[in-house]
C-alpha atoms as a PDB file:
ATOM      1  CA  UNK A   1     149.677 100.402 104.442  1.00  0.00           C
ATOM      2  CA  UNK A   2     148.024 103.711 105.856  1.00  0.00           C
ATOM      3  CA  UNK A   3     148.610 104.596 109.507  1.00  0.00           C
ATOM      4  CA  UNK A   4     145.606 105.367 111.655  1.00  0.00           C
ATOM      5  CA  UNK A   5     145.146 108.395 112.904  1.00  0.00           C
ATOM      6  CA  UNK A   6     145.575 107.207 116.530  1.00  0.00           C
ATOM      7  CA  UNK A   7     149.006 105.812 115.462  1.00  0.00           C
ATOM      8  CA  UNK A   8     150.173 109.034 113.608  1.00  0.00           C
ATOM      9  CA  UNK A   9     149.241 111.092 116.963  1.00  0.00           C
ATOM     10  CA  UNK A  10     151.053 108.738 119.228  1.00  0.00           C
ATOM     11  CA  UNK A  11     154.156 108.679 116.726  1.00  0.00           C
ATOM     12  CA  UNK A  12     154.081 112.567 116.699  1.00  0.00           C
ATOM     13  CA  UNK A  13     153.749 112.961 120.199  1.00  0.00           C
ATOM     14  CA  UNK A  14     156.811 110.508 120.810  1.00  0.00           C
ATOM     15  CA  UNK A  15     158.819 112.540 118.354  1.00  0.00           C
ATOM     16  CA  UNK A  16     157.786 115.823 120.261  1.00  0.00           C
ATOM     17  CA  UNK A  17     158.613 114.277 123.604  1.00  0.00           C
ATOM     18  CA  UNK A  18     162.035 113.161 122.557  1.00  0.00           C
ATOM     19  CA  UNK A  19     162.873 116.501 120.905  1.00  0.00           C
ATOM     20  CA  UNK A  20     162.050 118.279 124.397  1.00  0.00           C
ATOM     21  CA  UNK A  21     164.013 115.798 126.427  1.00  0.00           C
ATOM     22  CA  UNK A  22     166.897 116.069 124.129  1.00  0.00           C
ATOM     23  CA  UNK A  23     167.288 119.862 124.601  1.00  0.00           C
ATOM     24  CA  UNK A  24     166.398 120.850 121.044  1.00  0.00           C
ATOM     25  CA  UNK A  25     163.234 122.651 122.317  1.00  0.00           C
ATOM     26  CA  UNK A  26     165.088 124.106 125.349  1.00  0.00           C
ATOM     27  CA  UNK A  27     166.444 127.624 125.662  1.00  0.00           C
ATOM     28  CA  UNK A  28     169.798 127.834 124.288  1.00  0.00           C
ATOM     29  CA  UNK A  29     171.337 129.587 127.415  1.00  0.00           C
ATOM     30  CA  UNK A  30     169.347 128.447 130.658  1.00  0.00           C
ATOM     31  CA  UNK A  31     169.794 130.837 133.229  1.00  0.00           C
ATOM     32  CA  UNK A  32     172.177 129.611 135.955  1.00  0.00           C
ATOM     33  CA  UNK A  33     171.195 129.982 139.660  1.00  0.00           C
ATOM     34  CA  UNK A  34     173.483 129.814 142.458  1.00  0.00           C
ATOM     35  CA  UNK A  35     173.322 126.747 144.622  1.00  0.00           C
ATOM     36  CA  UNK A  36     173.458 128.206 148.413  1.00  0.00           C
ATOM     37  CA  UNK A  37     174.339 126.362 151.430  1.00  0.00           C
ATOM     38  CA  UNK A  38     171.440 125.834 153.906  1.00  0.00           C
ATOM     39  CA  UNK A  39     173.039 128.498 156.379  1.00  0.00           C
ATOM     40  CA  UNK A  40     172.558 131.235 153.727  1.00  0.00           C
ATOM     41  CA  UNK A  41     169.141 130.125 153.095  1.00  0.00           C
ATOM     42  CA  UNK A  42     167.865 130.242 156.699  1.00  0.00           C
ATOM     43  CA  UNK A  43     169.608 133.662 157.292  1.00  0.00           C
ATOM     44  CA  UNK A  44     168.155 135.107 154.027  1.00  0.00           C
ATOM     45  CA  UNK A  45     164.393 133.453 154.170  1.00  0.00           C
ATOM     46  CA  UNK A  46     163.884 132.002 157.759  1.00  0.00           C
ATOM     47  CA  UNK A  47     165.522 133.947 160.258  1.00  0.00           C
ATOM     48  CA  UNK A  48     162.131 134.507 162.009  1.00  0.00           C
ATOM     49  CA  UNK A  49     162.189 130.755 162.918  1.00  0.00           C
ATOM     50  CA  UNK A  50     165.408 130.983 165.307  1.00  0.00           C
ATOM     51  CA  UNK A  51     165.333 134.541 166.331  1.00  0.00           C
ATOM     52  CA  UNK A  52     164.442 134.771 170.063  1.00  0.00           C
ATOM     53  CA  UNK A  53     164.680 131.117 170.499  1.00  0.00           C
ATOM     54  CA  UNK A  54     167.357 128.865 172.605  1.00  0.00           C
ATOM     55  CA  UNK A  55     169.071 126.965 169.626  1.00  0.00           C
ATOM     56  CA  UNK A  56     171.113 123.822 169.869  1.00  0.00           C
ATOM     57  CA  UNK A  57     173.057 123.472 166.501  1.00  0.00           C
ATOM     58  CA  UNK A  58     174.519 120.360 165.214  1.00  0.00           C
ATOM     59  CA  UNK A  59     177.460 121.421 163.134  1.00  0.00           C
ATOM     60  CA  UNK A  60     181.304 120.455 162.446  1.00  0.00           C
ATOM     61  CA  UNK A  61     184.014 122.480 160.858  1.00  0.00           C
ATOM     62  CA  UNK A  62     182.734 122.300 157.403  1.00  0.00           C
ATOM     63  CA  UNK A  63     179.583 124.237 158.067  1.00  0.00           C
ATOM     64  CA  UNK A  64     180.207 127.578 156.233  1.00  0.00           C
ATOM     65  CA  UNK A  65     178.284 129.923 154.255  1.00  0.00           C
ATOM     66  CA  UNK A  66     178.685 130.632 150.438  1.00  0.00           C
ATOM     67  CA  UNK A  67     181.786 132.876 151.443  1.00  0.00           C
ATOM     68  CA  UNK A  68     183.374 130.428 153.524  1.00  0.00           C
ATOM     69  CA  UNK A  69     182.420 132.217 157.072  1.00  0.00           C
ATOM     70  CA  UNK A  70     181.667 129.570 159.611  1.00  0.00           C
ATOM     71  CA  UNK A  71     177.933 128.753 160.138  1.00  0.00           C
ATOM     72  CA  UNK A  72     178.350 129.447 163.919  1.00  0.00           C
ATOM     73  CA  UNK A  73     179.690 132.993 163.411  1.00  0.00           C
ATOM     74  CA  UNK A  74     177.043 133.908 160.671  1.00  0.00           C
ATOM     75  CA  UNK A  75     174.268 132.551 163.249  1.00  0.00           C
ATOM     76  CA  UNK A  76     175.915 134.819 166.052  1.00  0.00           C
ATOM     77  CA  UNK A  77     176.383 137.752 163.985  1.00  0.00           C
ATOM     78  CA  UNK A  78     172.465 137.309 163.108  1.00  0.00           C
ATOM     79  CA  UNK A  79     171.594 137.458 166.830  1.00  0.00           C
ATOM     80  CA  UNK A  80     170.769 133.854 167.013  1.00  0.00           C
ATOM     81  CA  UNK A  81     171.130 132.839 170.778  1.00  0.00           C
ATOM     82  CA  UNK A  82     173.171 129.441 170.496  1.00  0.00           C
ATOM     83  CA  UNK A  83     173.026 127.746 173.736  1.00  0.00           C
ATOM     84  CA  UNK A  84     174.478 124.493 172.748  1.00  0.00           C
ATOM     85  CA  UNK A  85     176.523 123.175 169.909  1.00  0.00           C
ATOM     86  CA  UNK A  86     176.390 119.363 169.029  1.00  0.00           C
ATOM     87  CA  UNK A  87     179.471 118.269 167.334  1.00  0.00           C
ATOM     88  CA  UNK A  88     179.367 115.024 165.108  1.00  0.00           C
ATOM     89  CA  UNK A  89     182.178 112.895 163.972  1.00  0.00           C
ATOM     90  CA  UNK A  90     184.826 115.458 162.921  1.00  0.00           C
ATOM     91  CA  UNK A  91     184.128 117.818 165.534  1.00  0.00           C
ATOM     92  CA  UNK A  92     184.490 121.860 165.445  1.00  0.00           C
ATOM     93  CA  UNK A  93     188.381 121.964 165.246  1.00  0.00           C
ATOM     94  CA  UNK A  94     190.698 120.723 162.597  1.00  0.00           C
ATOM     95  CA  UNK A  95     192.499 118.544 165.322  1.00  0.00           C
ATOM     96  CA  UNK A  96     189.936 115.857 164.732  1.00  0.00           C
ATOM     97  CA  UNK A  97     191.248 113.297 162.518  1.00  0.00           C
ATOM     98  CA  UNK A  98     189.362 110.900 160.474  1.00  0.00           C
ATOM     99  CA  UNK A  99     187.574 108.169 162.958  1.00  0.00           C
ATOM    100  CA  UNK A 100     189.186 110.133 165.733  1.00  0.00           C
ATOM    101  CA  UNK A 101     186.904 110.680 168.728  1.00  0.00           C
ATOM    102  CA  UNK A 102     185.493 114.149 169.693  1.00  0.00           C
ATOM    103  CA  UNK A 103     185.626 115.406 173.125  1.00  0.00           C
ATOM    104  CA  UNK A 104     182.716 117.613 174.782  1.00  0.00           C
ATOM    105  CA  UNK A 105     184.160 120.869 175.703  1.00  0.00           C
ATOM    106  CA  UNK A 106     183.328 124.601 175.346  1.00  0.00           C
ATOM    107  CA  UNK A 107     183.571 127.094 172.479  1.00  0.00           C
ATOM    108  CA  UNK A 108     186.415 129.557 173.086  1.00  0.00           C
ATOM    109  CA  UNK A 109     184.966 132.368 171.531  1.00  0.00           C
ATOM    110  CA  UNK A 110     181.607 132.070 173.523  1.00  0.00           C
ATOM    111  CA  UNK A 111     181.861 129.569 176.321  1.00  0.00           C
ATOM    112  CA  UNK A 112     179.011 127.745 174.688  1.00  0.00           C
ATOM    113  CA  UNK A 113     178.847 124.045 175.740  1.00  0.00           C
ATOM    114  CA  UNK A 114     179.939 121.713 172.791  1.00  0.00           C
ATOM    115  CA  UNK A 115     178.477 118.039 173.162  1.00  0.00           C
ATOM    116  CA  UNK A 116     180.256 115.345 171.145  1.00  0.00           C
ATOM    117  CA  UNK A 117     178.131 113.162 169.312  1.00  0.00           C
ATOM    118  CA  UNK A 118     180.902 110.941 168.469  1.00  0.00           C
ATOM    119  CA  UNK A 119     182.323 109.022 171.296  1.00  0.00           C
ATOM    120  CA  UNK A 120     180.182 107.235 174.061  1.00  0.00           C
ATOM    121  CA  UNK A 121     177.230 109.191 173.127  1.00  0.00           C
ATOM    122  CA  UNK A 122     175.966 109.481 169.317  1.00  0.00           C
ATOM    123  CA  UNK A 123     172.724 111.454 170.169  1.00  0.00           C
ATOM    124  CA  UNK A 124     171.809 114.347 172.528  1.00  0.00           C
ATOM    125  CA  UNK A 125     170.723 113.220 175.727  1.00  0.00           C
ATOM    126  CA  UNK A 126     167.874 114.860 177.926  1.00  0.00           C
ATOM    127  CA  UNK A 127     170.756 116.820 179.900  1.00  0.00           C
ATOM    128  CA  UNK A 128     172.142 118.435 176.622  1.00  0.00           C
ATOM    129  CA  UNK A 129     168.854 119.262 175.542  1.00  0.00           C
ATOM    130  CA  UNK A 130     167.848 120.809 178.584  1.00  0.00           C
END
């Protein structure tokens, strides 16, 4: 039984697609691109979006750059005017344990207000955003 030309093309196309998906046709050593935290991307590519603005930053203690430096420190070092910090569940200090409520307060390094978003208030209020 002879296959039609259409069947042969479909079969060949299927084979090519399968080889492509299996990596046979792929480059032997794909170039590795480092994955960067958002703070690194913001400061490298989009600093103009926040420079000269009054910035409120939703963050916690885990927000660091690729070198482990605090995102807050990186923003301040780049001249970003942080006017408020918003702390979700784990807060900005190591003292907040799992499920522990985070209190509002002030950043010890800059006196910037820190508003807890894990307690009675789960979202910024109008007064916090003012």
